[in-house]
Structure formats: C-alpha cells, structure tokens
Amino acid sequence: MRLGMRGKLAMLMAVVGLLPLLLVTVISVVGMRRIRLEAFNQKLEAAAQSEAQFLGLSKVRHVEMMLLSLNESWVISTVEQMTLELTPSQIEQIEEAWPATPPHEDPIRPVLNNELADLLRQFMDIDPRFAELLLTDIHGNLIAATNKTTNFHQSDELWWQRTYREGRGAVYIGQVRFDRSARVWSVEMCIPIRRNGRVLGIAKAVTD
C-alpha cells in the first residue's frame, strides 16, 4: 500500500515529534550510566585508599615485630657464630648443587634446622600472612630459613643490597611482586641485624 502525501507528512511529523523524546531518553540513559560509573569509581577509590592504609599499617607492624625480635642479643650472637667464611668457589659449588638438593640433605638441612630457623617459624605461627622468612650473614650466605629457597647466596639480590646499604643498613620494603621461592604474590620486608651500629646480617620476610 502506497502512502499519499498526507500520510507521508503525518509520518514525518510523527518522526520529528519523537526525535526530542528519543534524544531525551538517550541523554538520560547515558547520564544515569555516567552517574553510576562516577559513584562506583568513587567507592572503588575510597576502598583502595582504605586498603592501602591498612596494608601500610600492617607492614609497619610487621617491621616493628621483626626489629624487636631479631635484634635481641642472643639472635645477634648466634648470627655472628653462624657467619660463613666461604671462598667464591665454595659459594659457586653450593649454588650449583642447591636446586637439586632435597631439604633434608646438606647444605640445606642445617639452614632449615637451627634455633634461628625455629624463631623465624614462630613469626608464621603468629601471623599466617608471613609466607617465608630467611636470614643471611654479613656476606649474603643463607644461615636460616623457614623453607628451601631458590638459591643460597643472596648478596646479588636487590632487596639484600638495599638493606645492607654498603654497610650502613636500612629497613627495606619492596613492591608487590610474585615471589618464586614462597610462590605467592607478596611484599618483601627486610631489616639489618646490627651490633653497636655494625651490620652483621640481613633478615627478610615475605608476606602474602
């Protein structure tokens, strides 16, 4: 059926009349969506800020706990006694054997079974967010750990160098990253072990 001129005009007027309504509807939908997105973003930002503050405070508490516990006189003396005087070739030999060595065999067994390693495990008992803790001597050699690590010598690691700080010592808190040894997304916190201001070792905690 073909429309006459009157029908065409009527249809045109109807379309023209509906356009403002259509535009208002589109603008309303877009506007409401934008308002909802802005409200959601504001809530998300507030939640992120709150979580960041909580994370920051929890890291401060963890560091304070480590500083208090790992700078006791018996810990310092034990770190001194367990310091390893190894040649570069001895370190290289241990490093080569380390990945394939089971935890119950030397040289890994002594690292996991000593009084310092037992102390480190107490941190994990107190707070399950601790995924791994370890201690090195002044040379970066591993002397205690809660579990088998990916390697033995640590002085070439960024966290160790930032904490040792050329003998001056400093607390170091790293960025969120995947820890291959603990196998968790984590934040690493490191402190120097000191006697009379002199750095004797480095402690590292990985928190899940």
N, C-alpha and C. Protein backbone atom coordinates (compact mmCIF):
# COMPACT_ATOMS: atom_id res chain seq x y z
N MET A 1 0.84 -1.19 0.00
CA MET A 1 0.00 0.00 0.00
C MET A 1 0.87 1.23 0.00
N ARG A 2 0.66 2.12 -0.97
CA ARG A 2 1.46 3.33 -1.08
C ARG A 2 0.84 4.46 -0.28
N LEU A 3 1.71 5.20 0.46
CA LEU A 3 1.23 6.32 1.26
C LEU A 3 1.05 7.55 0.40
N GLY A 4 -0.02 8.27 0.63
CA GLY A 4 -0.23 9.53 -0.06
C GLY A 4 0.58 10.64 0.59
N MET A 5 0.48 11.80 0.02
CA MET A 5 1.21 12.95 0.53
C MET A 5 0.84 13.23 1.98
N ARG A 6 -0.45 13.13 2.29
CA ARG A 6 -0.89 13.40 3.66
C ARG A 6 -0.30 12.39 4.65
N GLY A 7 -0.28 11.12 4.19
CA GLY A 7 0.28 10.08 5.06
C GLY A 7 1.77 10.29 5.31
N LYS A 8 2.48 10.67 4.22
CA LYS A 8 3.91 10.92 4.36
C LYS A 8 4.19 12.09 5.31
N LEU A 9 3.39 13.15 5.19
CA LEU A 9 3.56 14.29 6.08
C LEU A 9 3.27 13.91 7.53
N ALA A 10 2.24 13.11 7.70
CA ALA A 10 1.90 12.67 9.06
C ALA A 10 3.03 11.85 9.67
N MET A 11 3.59 10.95 8.86
CA MET A 11 4.71 10.13 9.35
C MET A 11 5.92 11.00 9.67
N LEU A 12 6.21 11.96 8.80
CA LEU A 12 7.35 12.85 9.02
C LEU A 12 7.17 13.64 10.30
N MET A 13 5.95 14.15 10.52
CA MET A 13 5.69 14.91 11.73
C MET A 13 5.81 14.03 12.98
N ALA A 14 5.39 12.77 12.84
CA ALA A 14 5.49 11.85 13.97
C ALA A 14 6.96 11.58 14.32
N VAL A 15 7.76 11.36 13.25
CA VAL A 15 9.20 11.11 13.47
C VAL A 15 9.86 12.33 14.10
N VAL A 16 9.54 13.53 13.53
CA VAL A 16 10.12 14.76 14.06
C VAL A 16 9.68 14.97 15.51
N GLY A 17 8.43 14.64 15.80
CA GLY A 17 7.92 14.80 17.16
C GLY A 17 8.57 13.83 18.14
N LEU A 18 8.90 12.63 17.64
CA LEU A 18 9.52 11.62 18.52
C LEU A 18 11.01 11.85 18.75
N LEU A 19 11.65 12.58 17.85
CA LEU A 19 13.10 12.79 17.98
C LEU A 19 13.50 13.42 19.32
N PRO A 20 12.84 14.51 19.75
CA PRO A 20 13.22 15.07 21.05
C PRO A 20 13.07 14.07 22.18
N LEU A 21 11.98 13.29 22.14
CA LEU A 21 11.77 12.28 23.17
C LEU A 21 12.89 11.24 23.15
N LEU A 22 13.27 10.83 21.92
CA LEU A 22 14.34 9.85 21.77
C LEU A 22 15.66 10.41 22.30
N LEU A 23 15.93 11.68 21.95
CA LEU A 23 17.17 12.31 22.41
C LEU A 23 17.20 12.42 23.93
N VAL A 24 16.07 12.83 24.50
CA VAL A 24 15.98 12.94 25.96
C VAL A 24 16.23 11.58 26.62
N THR A 25 15.64 10.54 26.02
CA THR A 25 15.82 9.18 26.56
C THR A 25 17.28 8.75 26.51
N VAL A 26 17.93 8.99 25.35
CA VAL A 26 19.35 8.62 25.19
C VAL A 26 20.21 9.39 26.18
N ILE A 27 19.95 10.71 26.26
CA ILE A 27 20.74 11.54 27.18
C ILE A 27 20.54 11.10 28.62
N SER A 28 19.31 10.75 28.97
CA SER A 28 19.02 10.30 30.34
C SER A 28 19.75 9.00 30.66
N VAL A 29 19.69 8.06 29.70
CA VAL A 29 20.35 6.77 29.91
C VAL A 29 21.86 6.96 30.05
N VAL A 30 22.44 7.75 29.13
CA VAL A 30 23.89 8.00 29.18
C VAL A 30 24.26 8.72 30.47
N GLY A 31 23.42 9.73 30.82
CA GLY A 31 23.70 10.50 32.04
C GLY A 31 23.64 9.63 33.28
N MET A 32 22.61 8.79 33.39
CA MET A 32 22.49 7.89 34.55
C MET A 32 23.64 6.90 34.62
N ARG A 33 24.05 6.41 33.45
CA ARG A 33 25.17 5.48 33.42
C ARG A 33 26.44 6.16 33.91
N ARG A 34 26.64 7.41 33.46
CA ARG A 34 27.83 8.15 33.88
C ARG A 34 27.80 8.41 35.38
N ILE A 35 26.62 8.75 35.90
CA ILE A 35 26.49 8.99 37.34
C ILE A 35 26.80 7.72 38.13
N ARG A 36 26.27 6.58 37.62
CA ARG A 36 26.54 5.31 38.31
C ARG A 36 28.02 4.96 38.27
N LEU A 37 28.66 5.20 37.11
CA LEU A 37 30.09 4.91 36.98
C LEU A 37 30.91 5.79 37.90
N GLU A 38 30.55 7.09 37.97
CA GLU A 38 31.28 8.00 38.85
C GLU A 38 31.12 7.59 40.31
N ALA A 39 29.89 7.20 40.68
CA ALA A 39 29.65 6.75 42.05
C ALA A 39 30.44 5.48 42.36
N PHE A 40 30.46 4.55 41.37
CA PHE A 40 31.22 3.31 41.55
C PHE A 40 32.71 3.60 41.68
N ASN A 41 33.22 4.51 40.81
CA ASN A 41 34.64 4.86 40.86
C ASN A 41 35.01 5.50 42.19
N GLN A 42 34.11 6.34 42.71
CA GLN A 42 34.38 6.97 44.00
C GLN A 42 34.44 5.95 45.12
N LYS A 43 33.49 4.99 45.08
CA LYS A 43 33.52 3.92 46.08
C LYS A 43 34.78 3.07 45.96
N LEU A 44 35.15 2.77 44.70
CA LEU A 44 36.34 1.97 44.46
C LEU A 44 37.60 2.68 44.93
N GLU A 45 37.68 3.99 44.66
CA GLU A 45 38.83 4.77 45.08
C GLU A 45 38.91 4.83 46.61
N ALA A 46 37.76 5.02 47.26
CA ALA A 46 37.74 5.06 48.72
C ALA A 46 38.17 3.72 49.31
N ALA A 47 37.69 2.62 48.68
CA ALA A 47 38.08 1.28 49.16
C ALA A 47 39.56 1.05 48.96
N ALA A 48 40.11 1.49 47.82
CA ALA A 48 41.54 1.32 47.54
C ALA A 48 42.38 2.11 48.54
N GLN A 49 41.97 3.34 48.84
CA GLN A 49 42.70 4.15 49.81
C GLN A 49 42.67 3.51 51.19
N SER A 50 41.50 2.99 51.56
CA SER A 50 41.38 2.33 52.86
C SER A 50 42.27 1.09 52.93
N GLU A 51 42.26 0.30 51.83
CA GLU A 51 43.08 -0.92 51.79
C GLU A 51 44.56 -0.58 51.82
N ALA A 52 44.95 0.48 51.12
CA ALA A 52 46.35 0.90 51.10
C ALA A 52 46.81 1.33 52.49
N GLN A 53 45.95 2.06 53.20
CA GLN A 53 46.29 2.48 54.55
C GLN A 53 46.43 1.27 55.47
N PHE A 54 45.50 0.30 55.33
CA PHE A 54 45.56 -0.90 56.15
C PHE A 54 46.83 -1.69 55.85
N LEU A 55 47.15 -1.81 54.54
CA LEU A 55 48.36 -2.55 54.14
C LEU A 55 49.60 -1.86 54.70
N GLY A 56 49.63 -0.53 54.60
CA GLY A 56 50.78 0.22 55.12
C GLY A 56 50.96 0.03 56.61
N LEU A 57 49.86 0.10 57.35
CA LEU A 57 49.93 -0.07 58.81
C LEU A 57 50.34 -1.49 59.18
N SER A 58 49.83 -2.48 58.43
CA SER A 58 50.20 -3.86 58.74
C SER A 58 51.68 -4.11 58.45
N LYS A 59 52.22 -3.49 57.40
CA LYS A 59 53.65 -3.65 57.10
C LYS A 59 54.51 -3.00 58.19
N VAL A 60 54.05 -1.83 58.68
CA VAL A 60 54.78 -1.16 59.77
C VAL A 60 54.81 -2.07 60.99
N ARG A 61 53.69 -2.69 61.32
CA ARG A 61 53.65 -3.59 62.48
C ARG A 61 54.57 -4.80 62.27
N HIS A 62 54.57 -5.34 61.05
CA HIS A 62 55.45 -6.47 60.77
C HIS A 62 56.92 -6.08 60.92
N VAL A 63 57.29 -4.92 60.41
CA VAL A 63 58.68 -4.46 60.51
C VAL A 63 59.06 -4.24 61.97
N GLU A 64 58.17 -3.63 62.73
CA GLU A 64 58.44 -3.39 64.15
C GLU A 64 58.64 -4.72 64.89
N MET A 65 57.81 -5.72 64.56
CA MET A 65 57.94 -7.03 65.18
C MET A 65 59.29 -7.66 64.85
N MET A 66 59.71 -7.53 63.58
CA MET A 66 60.99 -8.09 63.17
C MET A 66 62.15 -7.39 63.85
N LEU A 67 62.11 -6.06 63.89
CA LEU A 67 63.19 -5.30 64.53
C LEU A 67 63.32 -5.66 66.00
N LEU A 68 62.19 -5.79 66.67
CA LEU A 68 62.20 -6.10 68.09
C LEU A 68 62.73 -7.51 68.36
N SER A 69 62.25 -8.48 67.57
CA SER A 69 62.59 -9.88 67.82
C SER A 69 63.97 -10.28 67.32
N LEU A 70 64.37 -9.73 66.16
CA LEU A 70 65.60 -10.20 65.52
C LEU A 70 66.83 -9.38 65.87
N ASN A 71 66.66 -8.41 66.76
CA ASN A 71 67.83 -7.68 67.24
C ASN A 71 68.06 -7.90 68.74
N GLU A 72 67.51 -9.02 69.24
CA GLU A 72 67.82 -9.42 70.61
C GLU A 72 69.26 -9.92 70.67
N SER A 73 69.85 -9.84 71.85
CA SER A 73 71.28 -10.14 71.99
C SER A 73 71.62 -11.57 71.58
N TRP A 74 70.74 -12.55 71.92
CA TRP A 74 71.06 -13.93 71.58
C TRP A 74 70.99 -14.16 70.07
N VAL A 75 70.07 -13.45 69.40
CA VAL A 75 69.98 -13.57 67.94
C VAL A 75 71.24 -13.01 67.29
N ILE A 76 71.67 -11.84 67.75
CA ILE A 76 72.87 -11.21 67.21
C ILE A 76 74.08 -12.10 67.40
N SER A 77 74.22 -12.66 68.61
CA SER A 77 75.37 -13.54 68.89
C SER A 77 75.33 -14.79 68.03
N THR A 78 74.13 -15.35 67.83
CA THR A 78 74.00 -16.56 67.02
C THR A 78 74.33 -16.27 65.56
N VAL A 79 73.89 -15.12 65.06
CA VAL A 79 74.22 -14.72 63.68
C VAL A 79 75.74 -14.62 63.52
N GLU A 80 76.41 -14.02 64.49
CA GLU A 80 77.88 -13.91 64.43
C GLU A 80 78.52 -15.29 64.41
N GLN A 81 78.04 -16.19 65.27
CA GLN A 81 78.62 -17.53 65.35
C GLN A 81 78.39 -18.34 64.07
N MET A 82 77.26 -18.09 63.41
CA MET A 82 76.91 -18.87 62.23
C MET A 82 77.41 -18.24 60.93
N THR A 83 78.09 -17.11 61.02
CA THR A 83 78.61 -16.47 59.81
C THR A 83 79.57 -17.41 59.09
N LEU A 84 79.37 -17.53 57.78
CA LEU A 84 80.15 -18.48 56.98
C LEU A 84 81.25 -17.75 56.22
N GLU A 85 82.47 -18.19 56.40
CA GLU A 85 83.62 -17.64 55.66
C GLU A 85 83.89 -18.57 54.49
N LEU A 86 83.28 -18.28 53.37
CA LEU A 86 83.40 -19.15 52.20
C LEU A 86 84.13 -18.43 51.07
N THR A 87 84.85 -19.19 50.30
CA THR A 87 85.51 -18.64 49.12
C THR A 87 84.51 -18.57 47.97
N PRO A 88 84.79 -17.76 46.97
CA PRO A 88 83.88 -17.70 45.81
C PRO A 88 83.65 -19.06 45.16
N SER A 89 84.66 -19.89 45.12
CA SER A 89 84.50 -21.22 44.50
C SER A 89 83.60 -22.11 45.36
N GLN A 90 83.69 -21.99 46.68
CA GLN A 90 82.81 -22.76 47.56
C GLN A 90 81.36 -22.32 47.41
N ILE A 91 81.15 -21.02 47.32
CA ILE A 91 79.79 -20.49 47.11
C ILE A 91 79.23 -20.98 45.78
N GLU A 92 80.06 -20.94 44.76
CA GLU A 92 79.62 -21.39 43.43
C GLU A 92 79.25 -22.86 43.45
N GLN A 93 80.03 -23.65 44.18
CA GLN A 93 79.76 -25.09 44.27
C GLN A 93 78.42 -25.36 44.97
N ILE A 94 78.16 -24.62 46.06
CA ILE A 94 76.89 -24.78 46.78
C ILE A 94 75.72 -24.33 45.90
N GLU A 95 75.89 -23.22 45.21
CA GLU A 95 74.85 -22.69 44.34
C GLU A 95 74.47 -23.68 43.25
N GLU A 96 75.47 -24.34 42.69
CA GLU A 96 75.21 -25.31 41.62
C GLU A 96 74.43 -26.52 42.13
N ALA A 97 74.76 -26.95 43.36
CA ALA A 97 74.11 -28.14 43.91
C ALA A 97 72.75 -27.82 44.54
N TRP A 98 72.52 -26.58 44.89
CA TRP A 98 71.34 -26.17 45.67
C TRP A 98 70.00 -26.58 45.06
N PRO A 99 69.73 -26.29 43.78
CA PRO A 99 68.39 -26.58 43.24
C PRO A 99 67.99 -28.05 43.31
N ALA A 100 68.95 -28.95 43.11
CA ALA A 100 68.63 -30.38 43.07
C ALA A 100 68.74 -31.06 44.43
N THR A 101 69.21 -30.35 45.45
CA THR A 101 69.41 -30.95 46.77
C THR A 101 68.10 -30.97 47.55
N PRO A 102 67.70 -32.13 48.10
CA PRO A 102 66.47 -32.19 48.92
C PRO A 102 66.66 -31.41 50.22
N PRO A 103 65.58 -30.92 50.81
CA PRO A 103 65.68 -30.12 52.04
C PRO A 103 66.31 -30.86 53.22
N HIS A 104 66.24 -32.19 53.22
CA HIS A 104 66.77 -32.96 54.36
C HIS A 104 68.25 -33.31 54.21
N GLU A 105 68.88 -32.82 53.15
CA GLU A 105 70.30 -33.12 52.94
C GLU A 105 71.13 -31.84 53.03
N ASP A 106 72.42 -32.01 53.34
CA ASP A 106 73.35 -30.88 53.36
C ASP A 106 73.56 -30.37 51.93
N PRO A 107 73.75 -29.06 51.74
CA PRO A 107 73.90 -28.00 52.75
C PRO A 107 72.59 -27.31 53.13
N ILE A 108 71.45 -27.85 52.71
CA ILE A 108 70.18 -27.19 53.00
C ILE A 108 69.67 -27.53 54.41
N ARG A 109 69.88 -28.76 54.83
CA ARG A 109 69.36 -29.19 56.13
C ARG A 109 69.79 -28.29 57.28
N PRO A 110 71.07 -27.91 57.41
CA PRO A 110 71.46 -27.04 58.53
C PRO A 110 70.78 -25.66 58.50
N VAL A 111 70.45 -25.20 57.31
CA VAL A 111 69.80 -23.89 57.18
C VAL A 111 68.36 -23.94 57.71
N LEU A 112 67.71 -25.07 57.52
CA LEU A 112 66.31 -25.22 57.93
C LEU A 112 66.15 -25.72 59.35
N ASN A 113 67.22 -26.25 59.92
CA ASN A 113 67.13 -26.86 61.25
C ASN A 113 68.15 -26.24 62.20
N ASN A 114 67.83 -25.10 62.73
CA ASN A 114 68.65 -24.44 63.76
C ASN A 114 67.74 -23.51 64.55
N GLU A 115 68.26 -22.95 65.63
CA GLU A 115 67.41 -22.15 66.51
C GLU A 115 66.92 -20.86 65.86
N LEU A 116 67.69 -20.32 64.93
CA LEU A 116 67.22 -19.13 64.23
C LEU A 116 66.07 -19.45 63.29
N ALA A 117 66.16 -20.60 62.62
CA ALA A 117 65.08 -21.03 61.73
C ALA A 117 63.81 -21.29 62.54
N ASP A 118 63.97 -21.85 63.74
CA ASP A 118 62.82 -22.08 64.62
C ASP A 118 62.18 -20.76 65.02
N LEU A 119 63.00 -19.75 65.30
CA LEU A 119 62.48 -18.43 65.65
C LEU A 119 61.70 -17.84 64.47
N LEU A 120 62.25 -17.98 63.28
CA LEU A 120 61.57 -17.45 62.10
C LEU A 120 60.21 -18.11 61.89
N ARG A 121 60.10 -19.40 62.18
CA ARG A 121 58.83 -20.10 62.02
C ARG A 121 57.78 -19.61 63.02
N GLN A 122 58.25 -19.07 64.14
CA GLN A 122 57.30 -18.53 65.12
C GLN A 122 56.56 -17.32 64.54
N PHE A 123 57.21 -16.58 63.67
CA PHE A 123 56.53 -15.46 63.01
C PHE A 123 55.34 -15.99 62.20
N MET A 124 55.54 -17.11 61.51
CA MET A 124 54.48 -17.69 60.69
C MET A 124 53.34 -18.23 61.56
N ASP A 125 53.68 -18.69 62.76
CA ASP A 125 52.64 -19.17 63.68
C ASP A 125 51.82 -18.00 64.21
N ILE A 126 52.48 -16.86 64.43
CA ILE A 126 51.79 -15.68 64.97
C ILE A 126 50.89 -15.05 63.93
N ASP A 127 51.37 -14.96 62.69
CA ASP A 127 50.62 -14.29 61.62
C ASP A 127 50.73 -15.11 60.34
N PRO A 128 49.63 -15.71 59.87
CA PRO A 128 49.68 -16.56 58.68
C PRO A 128 50.02 -15.82 57.40
N ARG A 129 50.04 -14.48 57.44
CA ARG A 129 50.41 -13.72 56.24
C ARG A 129 51.91 -13.83 55.95
N PHE A 130 52.70 -14.23 56.94
CA PHE A 130 54.11 -14.50 56.67
C PHE A 130 54.21 -15.78 55.86
N ALA A 131 54.73 -15.67 54.65
CA ALA A 131 54.84 -16.84 53.76
C ALA A 131 56.23 -17.46 53.80
N GLU A 132 57.25 -16.65 54.08
CA GLU A 132 58.62 -17.14 54.11
C GLU A 132 59.49 -16.13 54.85
N LEU A 133 60.44 -16.64 55.64
CA LEU A 133 61.42 -15.77 56.30
C LEU A 133 62.79 -16.41 56.16
N LEU A 134 63.80 -15.57 56.06
CA LEU A 134 65.17 -16.08 55.97
C LEU A 134 66.15 -15.08 56.58
N LEU A 135 67.32 -15.60 56.90
CA LEU A 135 68.40 -14.79 57.49
C LEU A 135 69.70 -15.08 56.75
N THR A 136 70.45 -14.05 56.45
CA THR A 136 71.78 -14.24 55.86
C THR A 136 72.84 -13.64 56.78
N ASP A 137 74.06 -14.07 56.58
CA ASP A 137 75.17 -13.45 57.32
C ASP A 137 75.60 -12.18 56.61
N ILE A 138 76.68 -11.58 57.08
CA ILE A 138 77.15 -10.31 56.52
C ILE A 138 77.59 -10.45 55.07
N HIS A 139 77.91 -11.67 54.65
CA HIS A 139 78.38 -11.91 53.28
C HIS A 139 77.23 -12.23 52.31
N GLY A 140 76.03 -12.42 52.84
CA GLY A 140 74.90 -12.77 51.98
C GLY A 140 74.64 -14.26 51.90
N ASN A 141 75.39 -15.05 52.68
CA ASN A 141 75.17 -16.50 52.70
C ASN A 141 73.98 -16.83 53.60
N LEU A 142 73.14 -17.73 53.15
CA LEU A 142 71.95 -18.11 53.90
C LEU A 142 72.34 -18.94 55.12
N ILE A 143 71.85 -18.51 56.31
CA ILE A 143 72.17 -19.26 57.53
C ILE A 143 70.91 -19.80 58.22
N ALA A 144 69.74 -19.27 57.88
CA ALA A 144 68.49 -19.78 58.46
C ALA A 144 67.33 -19.42 57.53
N ALA A 145 66.35 -20.34 57.45
CA ALA A 145 65.18 -20.09 56.60
C ALA A 145 64.04 -20.99 57.04
N THR A 146 62.82 -20.56 56.73
CA THR A 146 61.65 -21.36 57.09
C THR A 146 61.39 -22.49 56.09
N ASN A 147 61.91 -22.35 54.90
CA ASN A 147 61.76 -23.40 53.88
C ASN A 147 62.88 -23.25 52.84
N LYS A 148 63.02 -24.24 51.99
CA LYS A 148 64.07 -24.20 50.97
C LYS A 148 63.84 -23.02 50.04
N THR A 149 64.87 -22.21 49.86
CA THR A 149 64.81 -21.04 48.98
C THR A 149 65.29 -21.42 47.58
N THR A 150 65.15 -20.49 46.64
CA THR A 150 65.56 -20.78 45.27
C THR A 150 67.06 -20.78 45.11
N ASN A 151 67.77 -20.08 45.99
CA ASN A 151 69.23 -20.09 45.91
C ASN A 151 69.83 -19.88 47.29
N PHE A 152 71.15 -20.04 47.38
CA PHE A 152 71.87 -19.99 48.65
C PHE A 152 72.44 -18.61 48.93
N HIS A 153 73.15 -18.06 47.97
CA HIS A 153 73.84 -16.78 48.18
C HIS A 153 72.91 -15.64 47.74
N GLN A 154 72.74 -14.64 48.62
CA GLN A 154 71.72 -13.61 48.40
C GLN A 154 72.28 -12.20 48.15
N SER A 155 73.58 -12.00 48.24
CA SER A 155 74.11 -10.63 48.19
C SER A 155 73.94 -9.94 46.84
N ASP A 156 73.61 -10.72 45.80
CA ASP A 156 73.38 -10.10 44.49
C ASP A 156 71.93 -9.69 44.28
N GLU A 157 71.07 -9.98 45.28
CA GLU A 157 69.65 -9.63 45.19
C GLU A 157 69.45 -8.15 45.55
N LEU A 158 68.49 -7.51 44.87
CA LEU A 158 68.23 -6.10 45.10
C LEU A 158 67.84 -5.83 46.55
N TRP A 159 66.94 -6.67 47.10
CA TRP A 159 66.50 -6.45 48.48
C TRP A 159 67.67 -6.52 49.45
N TRP A 160 68.63 -7.41 49.22
CA TRP A 160 69.77 -7.54 50.12
C TRP A 160 70.65 -6.29 50.04
N GLN A 161 70.91 -5.84 48.84
CA GLN A 161 71.75 -4.65 48.65
C GLN A 161 71.09 -3.41 49.22
N ARG A 162 69.76 -3.27 49.06
CA ARG A 162 69.05 -2.11 49.60
C ARG A 162 69.07 -2.13 51.13
N THR A 163 69.03 -3.32 51.71
CA THR A 163 69.03 -3.42 53.18
C THR A 163 70.44 -3.27 53.75
N TYR A 164 71.41 -3.88 53.09
CA TYR A 164 72.80 -3.76 53.55
C TYR A 164 73.30 -2.32 53.41
N ARG A 165 72.99 -1.72 52.30
CA ARG A 165 73.27 -0.30 52.01
C ARG A 165 74.73 0.05 52.29
N GLU A 166 75.61 -0.77 51.70
CA GLU A 166 77.06 -0.56 51.80
C GLU A 166 77.53 -0.50 53.25
N GLY A 167 76.91 -1.33 54.10
CA GLY A 167 77.34 -1.43 55.49
C GLY A 167 76.61 -0.50 56.45
N ARG A 168 75.81 0.42 55.92
CA ARG A 168 75.10 1.35 56.81
C ARG A 168 73.82 0.74 57.35
N GLY A 169 73.19 -0.12 56.57
CA GLY A 169 71.96 -0.80 56.99
C GLY A 169 70.74 0.09 56.91
N ALA A 170 69.62 -0.46 56.44
CA ALA A 170 68.36 0.28 56.33
C ALA A 170 67.21 -0.70 56.20
N VAL A 171 66.05 -0.31 56.72
CA VAL A 171 64.84 -1.11 56.51
C VAL A 171 64.41 -0.94 55.06
N TYR A 172 64.05 -2.05 54.43
CA TYR A 172 63.63 -2.00 53.03
C TYR A 172 62.30 -2.73 52.88
N ILE A 173 61.33 -2.07 52.25
CA ILE A 173 60.04 -2.68 51.92
C ILE A 173 59.87 -2.63 50.41
N GLY A 174 59.73 -3.78 49.79
CA GLY A 174 59.67 -3.84 48.34
C GLY A 174 58.28 -3.63 47.78
N GLN A 175 58.18 -3.71 46.46
CA GLN A 175 56.91 -3.59 45.76
C GLN A 175 56.21 -4.95 45.72
N VAL A 176 54.92 -4.92 45.43
CA VAL A 176 54.17 -6.17 45.28
C VAL A 176 54.69 -6.92 44.06
N ARG A 177 55.04 -8.17 44.25
CA ARG A 177 55.55 -8.98 43.14
C ARG A 177 55.34 -10.46 43.46
N PHE A 178 55.54 -11.31 42.45
CA PHE A 178 55.41 -12.74 42.67
C PHE A 178 56.73 -13.29 43.17
N ASP A 179 56.71 -13.89 44.35
CA ASP A 179 57.92 -14.47 44.93
C ASP A 179 58.04 -15.93 44.49
N ARG A 180 59.10 -16.24 43.76
CA ARG A 180 59.26 -17.60 43.21
C ARG A 180 59.51 -18.62 44.30
N SER A 181 60.19 -18.20 45.36
CA SER A 181 60.51 -19.13 46.44
C SER A 181 59.27 -19.46 47.27
N ALA A 182 58.54 -18.41 47.70
CA ALA A 182 57.34 -18.63 48.52
C ALA A 182 56.12 -18.98 47.66
N ARG A 183 56.20 -18.67 46.35
CA ARG A 183 55.12 -18.96 45.38
C ARG A 183 53.83 -18.22 45.73
N VAL A 184 53.97 -16.96 46.10
CA VAL A 184 52.81 -16.12 46.38
C VAL A 184 53.07 -14.71 45.86
N TRP A 185 51.98 -13.97 45.57
CA TRP A 185 52.11 -12.55 45.32
C TRP A 185 52.35 -11.89 46.67
N SER A 186 53.38 -11.10 46.78
CA SER A 186 53.85 -10.73 48.10
C SER A 186 54.50 -9.35 48.15
N VAL A 187 54.74 -8.94 49.39
CA VAL A 187 55.58 -7.77 49.67
C VAL A 187 56.73 -8.27 50.53
N GLU A 188 57.96 -7.94 50.15
CA GLU A 188 59.11 -8.36 50.94
C GLU A 188 59.55 -7.23 51.86
N MET A 189 59.83 -7.58 53.12
CA MET A 189 60.28 -6.62 54.12
C MET A 189 61.61 -7.11 54.67
N CYS A 190 62.60 -6.23 54.69
CA CYS A 190 63.94 -6.63 55.07
C CYS A 190 64.51 -5.67 56.12
N ILE A 191 65.23 -6.23 57.09
CA ILE A 191 65.85 -5.40 58.12
C ILE A 191 67.30 -5.84 58.33
N PRO A 192 68.16 -4.93 58.74
CA PRO A 192 69.53 -5.32 59.09
C PRO A 192 69.60 -5.82 60.53
N ILE A 193 70.48 -6.78 60.77
CA ILE A 193 70.80 -7.25 62.12
C ILE A 193 72.08 -6.54 62.52
N ARG A 194 72.04 -5.78 63.61
CA ARG A 194 73.18 -4.92 63.97
C ARG A 194 73.69 -5.22 65.38
N ARG A 195 74.98 -4.92 65.58
CA ARG A 195 75.58 -4.84 66.92
C ARG A 195 76.38 -3.53 66.97
N ASN A 196 75.99 -2.65 67.87
CA ASN A 196 76.66 -1.35 68.02
C ASN A 196 76.73 -0.60 66.69
N GLY A 197 75.64 -0.67 65.92
CA GLY A 197 75.58 0.05 64.65
C GLY A 197 76.21 -0.66 63.48
N ARG A 198 76.91 -1.77 63.73
CA ARG A 198 77.57 -2.50 62.65
C ARG A 198 76.66 -3.62 62.15
N VAL A 199 76.44 -3.68 60.83
CA VAL A 199 75.57 -4.69 60.24
C VAL A 199 76.26 -6.05 60.28
N LEU A 200 75.55 -7.06 60.82
CA LEU A 200 76.09 -8.42 60.92
C LEU A 200 75.34 -9.40 60.02
N GLY A 201 74.12 -9.03 59.66
CA GLY A 201 73.32 -9.93 58.82
C GLY A 201 72.08 -9.22 58.33
N ILE A 202 71.32 -9.92 57.50
CA ILE A 202 70.11 -9.36 56.92
C ILE A 202 68.98 -10.35 57.09
N ALA A 203 67.82 -9.87 57.53
CA ALA A 203 66.63 -10.70 57.64
C ALA A 203 65.60 -10.25 56.61
N LYS A 204 64.96 -11.22 56.00
CA LYS A 204 63.93 -10.93 55.00
C LYS A 204 62.66 -11.71 55.33
N ALA A 205 61.53 -11.02 55.25
CA ALA A 205 60.22 -11.66 55.41
C ALA A 205 59.40 -11.44 54.16
N VAL A 206 58.76 -12.49 53.69
CA VAL A 206 57.85 -12.39 52.54
C VAL A 206 56.44 -12.53 53.08
N THR A 207 55.60 -11.52 52.87
CA THR A 207 54.22 -11.57 53.35
C THR A 207 53.27 -11.76 52.17
N ASP A 208 52.33 -12.67 52.36
CA ASP A 208 51.36 -12.99 51.32
C ASP A 208 50.39 -11.82 51.17
